Amino acid sequence: MTEMDPRHRAGQRPRHDVESLVDALAARMDGDTASVRAAVLSVLHSREQQHLAEMELRRGIFELADLGVTPRDIARLAGISQPEVSRRLTRRALTASRPSPREVISQRQAGLIDSDTMMRELSTMAMTHRTPARDSGYDSAAAQTGTAKELAAAFQDGLISEGEYETVRRAIAGRQGRVRRP
């Protein structure tokens, strides 16, 4: 078992990977497995596009604020309420300035980057082992880096393959001096 192995997290309910979810849904619905798989992949693809759009909206709000645009005008442009713009601007320090592992993976899912680019970016990304506890003080390092948990969740959700996960995990462990040989 490795530190970042998503299949062995003590005390946490295992998440479903795409294939087990497809099999369970197809069996429960007496449906065509290929049709269920296509529908599940469509929903996952749409979810990643939505996540990516949210990250782009957040960065756009910050950029407009930096340019001196008022929260009221930003709200009109973004199609959200002015209090929501203000909340986002208040929490700005908690938002990473660089893309997270999830955002890079979402870019690949949306077809904005290819798999090689995704792997290169993920493999060179600074990652923390875990996020700070809810009741702990603000940890700026966690906001400026990705987390191994994000990478593991992407693997469990079927957004990256086991080979891609292992390649990134080994690259990160190698940079941190924790390479384990099988």
Protein backbone atom coordinates (compact mmCIF):
# COMPACT_ATOMS: atom_id res chain seq x y z
CA MET A 1 0.00 0.00 0.00
CA THR A 2 1.33 3.46 -0.89
CA GLU A 3 0.68 6.77 0.80
CA MET A 4 -1.51 8.04 -2.01
CA ASP A 5 -3.25 4.77 -2.86
CA PRO A 6 -6.95 5.69 -3.10
CA ARG A 7 -8.10 2.12 -2.64
CA HIS A 8 -6.88 1.87 0.95
CA ARG A 9 -8.02 4.88 2.96
CA ALA A 10 -8.79 3.81 6.50
CA GLY A 11 -12.05 5.03 7.94
CA GLN A 12 -13.48 6.26 4.65
CA ARG A 13 -16.27 4.71 2.62
CA PRO A 14 -14.87 3.63 -0.75
CA ARG A 15 -16.10 5.61 -3.73
CA HIS A 16 -17.43 3.87 -6.81
CA ASP A 17 -15.27 3.72 -9.88
CA VAL A 18 -16.97 4.17 -13.23
CA GLU A 19 -17.05 0.51 -14.24
CA SER A 20 -18.53 -0.74 -10.97
CA LEU A 21 -21.12 2.04 -11.13
CA VAL A 22 -22.02 1.14 -14.71
CA ASP A 23 -22.31 -2.55 -13.81
CA ALA A 24 -24.48 -1.82 -10.76
CA LEU A 25 -26.81 0.50 -12.67
CA ALA A 26 -27.12 -1.85 -15.65
CA ALA A 27 -27.91 -4.81 -13.38
CA ARG A 28 -30.47 -2.84 -11.36
CA MET A 29 -32.23 -1.51 -14.43
CA ASP A 30 -31.94 -4.61 -16.64
CA GLY A 31 -30.42 -2.20 -19.13
CA ASP A 32 -27.95 -2.36 -21.92
CA THR A 33 -24.51 -1.92 -20.35
CA ALA A 34 -23.22 0.07 -23.34
CA SER A 35 -26.12 2.55 -23.07
CA VAL A 36 -25.65 2.92 -19.32
CA ARG A 37 -21.88 3.44 -19.79
CA ALA A 38 -22.50 6.11 -22.43
CA ALA A 39 -24.97 7.93 -20.15
CA VAL A 40 -22.61 7.75 -17.14
CA LEU A 41 -19.67 9.03 -19.20
CA SER A 42 -21.85 11.84 -20.57
CA VAL A 43 -22.77 12.93 -17.05
CA LEU A 44 -19.14 12.75 -15.90
CA HIS A 45 -18.01 14.76 -18.93
CA SER A 46 -20.68 17.39 -18.27
CA ARG A 47 -19.71 17.55 -14.60
CA GLU A 48 -16.08 18.21 -15.55
CA GLN A 49 -17.11 20.92 -18.02
CA GLN A 50 -19.21 22.51 -15.28
CA HIS A 51 -16.30 22.38 -12.84
CA LEU A 52 -13.96 23.92 -15.40
CA ALA A 53 -16.48 26.68 -16.20
CA GLU A 54 -16.80 27.45 -12.49
CA MET A 55 -13.01 27.78 -12.14
CA GLU A 56 -12.88 30.09 -15.18
CA LEU A 57 -15.75 32.19 -13.79
CA ARG A 58 -13.99 32.51 -10.44
CA ARG A 59 -10.74 33.66 -12.06
CA GLY A 60 -12.68 36.07 -14.30
CA ILE A 61 -14.36 37.61 -11.26
CA PHE A 62 -10.97 38.13 -9.62
CA GLU A 63 -9.51 39.64 -12.79
CA LEU A 64 -12.42 42.07 -13.15
CA ALA A 65 -12.10 43.08 -9.50
CA ASP A 66 -8.36 43.68 -10.01
CA LEU A 67 -9.24 45.96 -12.92
CA GLY A 68 -11.49 48.02 -10.63
CA VAL A 69 -14.88 46.77 -11.80
CA THR A 70 -17.48 47.05 -9.02
CA PRO A 71 -19.02 43.92 -7.47
CA ARG A 72 -22.43 45.07 -8.75
CA ASP A 73 -21.17 45.23 -12.36
CA ILE A 74 -19.33 41.92 -11.96
CA ALA A 75 -22.55 40.33 -10.68
CA ARG A 76 -24.46 41.57 -13.75
CA LEU A 77 -21.78 40.23 -16.09
CA ALA A 78 -21.46 36.87 -14.32
CA GLY A 79 -25.18 36.33 -13.84
CA ILE A 80 -24.88 35.87 -10.08
CA SER A 81 -25.92 38.03 -7.13
CA GLN A 82 -23.77 40.89 -5.85
CA PRO A 83 -23.55 39.25 -2.36
CA GLU A 84 -22.21 36.09 -4.05
CA VAL A 85 -19.56 38.14 -5.87
CA SER A 86 -18.60 39.74 -2.56
CA ARG A 87 -18.38 36.32 -0.86
CA ARG A 88 -16.14 35.02 -3.64
CA LEU A 89 -13.89 38.06 -3.41
CA THR A 90 -13.69 37.68 0.39
CA ARG A 91 -12.66 34.02 0.02
CA ARG A 92 -10.17 34.85 -2.72
CA ALA A 93 -7.16 34.07 -0.51
CA LEU A 94 -8.43 30.50 -0.19
CA THR A 95 -8.43 30.03 -3.96
CA ALA A 96 -5.33 28.72 -5.66
CA SER A 97 -3.81 31.01 -8.24
CA ARG A 98 -2.58 28.02 -10.25
CA PRO A 99 -4.75 25.24 -11.64
CA SER A 100 -5.47 22.36 -9.26
CA PRO A 101 -5.04 18.72 -10.31
CA ARG A 102 -8.81 18.52 -10.77
CA GLU A 103 -8.78 21.56 -13.05
CA VAL A 104 -5.99 20.13 -15.21
CA ILE A 105 -7.85 16.83 -15.47
CA SER A 106 -11.06 18.72 -16.31
CA GLN A 107 -9.22 20.53 -19.10
CA ARG A 108 -8.27 17.19 -20.61
CA GLN A 109 -11.82 15.86 -20.22
CA ALA A 110 -13.16 18.96 -21.98
CA GLY A 111 -10.68 18.50 -24.84
CA LEU A 112 -8.76 21.71 -24.09
CA ILE A 113 -5.46 19.88 -23.55
CA ASP A 114 -4.22 16.45 -24.61
CA SER A 115 -3.25 13.57 -22.32
CA ASP A 116 0.51 14.24 -22.65
CA THR A 117 0.05 17.85 -21.54
CA MET A 118 -2.14 16.75 -18.63
CA MET A 119 0.43 14.18 -17.51
CA ARG A 120 3.28 16.68 -17.77
CA GLU A 121 1.39 19.28 -15.72
CA LEU A 122 0.24 16.80 -13.06
CA SER A 123 3.69 15.20 -12.75
CA THR A 124 5.41 18.53 -12.12
CA MET A 125 2.72 19.96 -9.86
CA ALA A 126 3.49 20.66 -6.21
CA MET A 127 1.11 18.59 -4.10
CA THR A 128 0.46 18.39 -0.40
CA HIS A 129 -0.28 15.08 1.25
CA ARG A 130 -3.52 16.33 2.79
CA THR A 131 -5.69 19.38 3.20
CA PRO A 132 -5.79 21.17 6.56
CA ALA A 133 -8.41 20.03 9.08
CA ARG A 134 -11.65 22.01 9.11
CA ASP A 135 -10.93 23.56 12.50
CA SER A 136 -7.28 24.31 11.80
CA GLY A 137 -5.93 27.72 10.89
CA TYR A 138 -5.68 28.75 7.27
CA ASP A 139 -2.82 27.01 5.50
CA SER A 140 -1.76 29.03 2.46
CA ALA A 141 0.36 26.14 1.18
CA ALA A 142 -2.76 24.01 0.70
CA ALA A 143 -4.39 26.78 -1.31
CA GLN A 144 -1.37 27.12 -3.59
CA THR A 145 -0.88 23.43 -4.31
CA GLY A 146 -2.96 20.48 -5.30
CA THR A 147 -3.59 17.60 -2.99
CA ALA A 148 -2.97 13.93 -3.38
CA LYS A 149 -6.62 13.48 -2.39
CA GLU A 150 -7.75 15.32 -5.55
CA LEU A 151 -5.60 13.03 -7.67
CA ALA A 152 -6.94 9.92 -5.93
CA ALA A 153 -10.54 11.12 -6.33
CA ALA A 154 -9.97 11.64 -10.07
CA PHE A 155 -8.70 8.06 -10.34
CA GLN A 156 -11.64 6.69 -8.35
CA ASP A 157 -14.09 8.66 -10.47
CA GLY A 158 -12.59 7.18 -13.64
CA LEU A 159 -11.26 10.53 -14.88
CA ILE A 160 -7.70 9.21 -15.10
CA SER A 161 -6.55 5.65 -15.67
CA GLU A 162 -4.67 3.54 -13.16
CA GLY A 163 -1.54 3.88 -15.31
CA GLU A 164 -1.86 7.67 -15.38
CA TYR A 165 -2.46 7.75 -11.62
CA GLU A 166 0.59 5.58 -10.91
CA THR A 167 2.83 7.60 -13.26
CA VAL A 168 1.90 10.88 -11.55
CA ARG A 169 2.15 9.32 -8.08
CA ARG A 170 5.65 8.02 -8.80
CA ALA A 171 6.78 11.37 -10.24
CA ILE A 172 5.58 13.23 -7.15
CA ALA A 173 7.04 10.66 -4.76
CA GLY A 174 10.35 10.76 -6.66
CA ARG A 175 10.57 14.54 -6.29
CA GLN A 176 9.78 14.24 -2.60
CA GLY A 177 12.34 11.44 -2.11
CA ARG A 178 9.75 8.79 -1.25
CA VAL A 179 10.10 6.42 -4.18
CA ARG A 180 9.16 2.86 -3.27
CA ARG A 181 10.11 0.00 -5.49
CA PRO A 182 7.52 -2.77 -6.08
